[in-house]
């Protein structure tokens, strides 16, 4: 496998979400879906496999964040905008 580095943020998110090393490896080695981000995040890529998606910088081979692919798997801390919307209602 090509060497990838992980930001502190990505490692923290993987640990917080109890993502298994083999899930991360699958995203890096054999993703089922790969697509680019736009706007201020242009140049970043999302690599998905199973229940996990990685936000990566393909140029530097850096994993920037680890998220669940489905919002239903996210915790309230993963989606602060939901709490903000509920508070505004």
C-alpha atoms as a PDB file:
ATOM      1  CA  UNK A   1       0.000   0.000   0.000  1.00  0.00           C
ATOM      2  CA  UNK A   2       1.156   3.520  -0.750  1.00  0.00           C
ATOM      3  CA  UNK A   3       2.242   5.327   2.403  1.00  0.00           C
ATOM      4  CA  UNK A   4      -0.385   7.687   3.792  1.00  0.00           C
ATOM      5  CA  UNK A   5      -0.049  10.072   6.702  1.00  0.00           C
ATOM      6  CA  UNK A   6      -2.849  11.068   9.075  1.00  0.00           C
ATOM      7  CA  UNK A   7      -3.542  14.425  10.661  1.00  0.00           C
ATOM      8  CA  UNK A   8      -4.142  14.518  14.420  1.00  0.00           C
ATOM      9  CA  UNK A   9      -7.738  15.366  13.599  1.00  0.00           C
ATOM     10  CA  UNK A  10      -8.164  12.258  11.418  1.00  0.00           C
ATOM     11  CA  UNK A  11      -6.647   9.989  14.065  1.00  0.00           C
ATOM     12  CA  UNK A  12      -8.860  11.513  16.737  1.00  0.00           C
ATOM     13  CA  UNK A  13     -11.989  11.059  14.630  1.00  0.00           C
ATOM     14  CA  UNK A  14     -11.116   7.442  13.857  1.00  0.00           C
ATOM     15  CA  UNK A  15     -10.662   6.731  17.569  1.00  0.00           C
ATOM     16  CA  UNK A  16     -13.791   8.668  18.599  1.00  0.00           C
ATOM     17  CA  UNK A  17     -15.876   6.720  16.092  1.00  0.00           C
ATOM     18  CA  UNK A  18     -14.279   3.337  16.824  1.00  0.00           C
ATOM     19  CA  UNK A  19     -13.387   2.875  13.167  1.00  0.00           C
ATOM     20  CA  UNK A  20     -11.392  -0.307  12.660  1.00  0.00           C
ATOM     21  CA  UNK A  21      -7.991  -0.192  10.913  1.00  0.00           C
ATOM     22  CA  UNK A  22      -9.279  -2.565   8.228  1.00  0.00           C
ATOM     23  CA  UNK A  23     -12.107  -0.122   7.436  1.00  0.00           C
ATOM     24  CA  UNK A  24      -9.583   2.662   6.899  1.00  0.00           C
ATOM     25  CA  UNK A  25      -7.387   0.357   4.839  1.00  0.00           C
ATOM     26  CA  UNK A  26     -10.365  -0.537   2.620  1.00  0.00           C
ATOM     27  CA  UNK A  27     -11.053   3.149   1.951  1.00  0.00           C
ATOM     28  CA  UNK A  28      -7.439   3.726   0.999  1.00  0.00           C
ATOM     29  CA  UNK A  29      -6.733   0.534  -0.975  1.00  0.00           C
ATOM     30  CA  UNK A  30     -10.060  -0.362  -2.585  1.00  0.00           C
ATOM     31  CA  UNK A  31     -12.670   2.376  -2.210  1.00  0.00           C
ATOM     32  CA  UNK A  32     -16.121   1.700  -3.636  1.00  0.00           C
ATOM     33  CA  UNK A  33     -16.588   5.390  -4.474  1.00  0.00           C
ATOM     34  CA  UNK A  34     -14.135   8.255  -4.950  1.00  0.00           C
ATOM     35  CA  UNK A  35     -15.148  11.839  -5.680  1.00  0.00           C
ATOM     36  CA  UNK A  36     -13.722  15.317  -5.330  1.00  0.00           C
ATOM     37  CA  UNK A  37     -14.829  18.172  -3.131  1.00  0.00           C
ATOM     38  CA  UNK A  38     -15.486  21.632  -4.490  1.00  0.00           C
ATOM     39  CA  UNK A  39     -15.498  25.198  -3.260  1.00  0.00           C
ATOM     40  CA  UNK A  40     -12.925  26.011  -0.594  1.00  0.00           C
ATOM     41  CA  UNK A  41     -12.129  22.293  -0.334  1.00  0.00           C
ATOM     42  CA  UNK A  42     -11.280  21.850  -4.003  1.00  0.00           C
ATOM     43  CA  UNK A  43      -8.447  19.379  -4.404  1.00  0.00           C
ATOM     44  CA  UNK A  44      -9.609  17.173  -1.565  1.00  0.00           C
ATOM     45  CA  UNK A  45     -11.075  13.762  -2.305  1.00  0.00           C
ATOM     46  CA  UNK A  46     -13.603  11.594  -0.490  1.00  0.00           C
ATOM     47  CA  UNK A  47     -12.848   7.854  -0.521  1.00  0.00           C
ATOM     48  CA  UNK A  48     -15.681   5.590   0.643  1.00  0.00           C
ATOM     49  CA  UNK A  49     -15.848   1.911   1.537  1.00  0.00           C
ATOM     50  CA  UNK A  50     -18.401   0.201   3.746  1.00  0.00           C
ATOM     51  CA  UNK A  51     -19.743   2.541   6.432  1.00  0.00           C
ATOM     52  CA  UNK A  52     -16.703   4.853   6.389  1.00  0.00           C
ATOM     53  CA  UNK A  53     -15.529   7.751   4.263  1.00  0.00           C
ATOM     54  CA  UNK A  54     -12.124   9.409   4.399  1.00  0.00           C
ATOM     55  CA  UNK A  55     -11.420  13.007   3.453  1.00  0.00           C
ATOM     56  CA  UNK A  56      -7.973  12.991   1.876  1.00  0.00           C
ATOM     57  CA  UNK A  57      -5.486  15.255   0.149  1.00  0.00           C
ATOM     58  CA  UNK A  58      -4.376  12.996  -2.700  1.00  0.00           C
ATOM     59  CA  UNK A  59      -1.387  15.196  -3.593  1.00  0.00           C
ATOM     60  CA  UNK A  60       0.273  14.856  -0.195  1.00  0.00           C
ATOM     61  CA  UNK A  61      -1.256  11.421   0.563  1.00  0.00           C
ATOM     62  CA  UNK A  62      -2.722  12.788   3.808  1.00  0.00           C
ATOM     63  CA  UNK A  63      -5.912  11.603   5.494  1.00  0.00           C
ATOM     64  CA  UNK A  64      -7.596  14.748   6.816  1.00  0.00           C
ATOM     65  CA  UNK A  65     -10.715  13.330   8.462  1.00  0.00           C
ATOM     66  CA  UNK A  66     -12.623  10.103   9.075  1.00  0.00           C
ATOM     67  CA  UNK A  67     -16.425  10.210   8.905  1.00  0.00           C
ATOM     68  CA  UNK A  68     -19.339   7.843   8.633  1.00  0.00           C
ATOM     69  CA  UNK A  69     -20.759   7.630   5.149  1.00  0.00           C
ATOM     70  CA  UNK A  70     -24.382   7.775   6.313  1.00  0.00           C
ATOM     71  CA  UNK A  71     -25.596  10.743   8.388  1.00  0.00           C
ATOM     72  CA  UNK A  72     -27.771   8.313  10.373  1.00  0.00           C
ATOM     73  CA  UNK A  73     -24.528   6.955  11.900  1.00  0.00           C
ATOM     74  CA  UNK A  74     -23.345  10.411  13.017  1.00  0.00           C
ATOM     75  CA  UNK A  75     -23.545  11.610  16.599  1.00  0.00           C
ATOM     76  CA  UNK A  76     -24.892  15.069  17.549  1.00  0.00           C
ATOM     77  CA  UNK A  77     -21.284  16.292  17.844  1.00  0.00           C
ATOM     78  CA  UNK A  78     -20.742  15.336  14.187  1.00  0.00           C
ATOM     79  CA  UNK A  79     -23.579  17.571  13.033  1.00  0.00           C
ATOM     80  CA  UNK A  80     -23.754  20.762  15.129  1.00  0.00           C
ATOM     81  CA  UNK A  81     -25.883  22.478  12.487  1.00  0.00           C
ATOM     82  CA  UNK A  82     -28.801  20.170  13.441  1.00  0.00           C
ATOM     83  CA  UNK A  83     -28.736  21.397  17.045  1.00  0.00           C
ATOM     84  CA  UNK A  84     -28.514  24.988  15.765  1.00  0.00           C
ATOM     85  CA  UNK A  85     -31.554  24.447  13.512  1.00  0.00           C
ATOM     86  CA  UNK A  86     -33.567  22.863  16.350  1.00  0.00           C
ATOM     87  CA  UNK A  87     -32.698  25.795  18.616  1.00  0.00           C
ATOM     88  CA  UNK A  88     -33.826  28.287  15.979  1.00  0.00           C
ATOM     89  CA  UNK A  89     -37.228  26.627  15.564  1.00  0.00           C
END
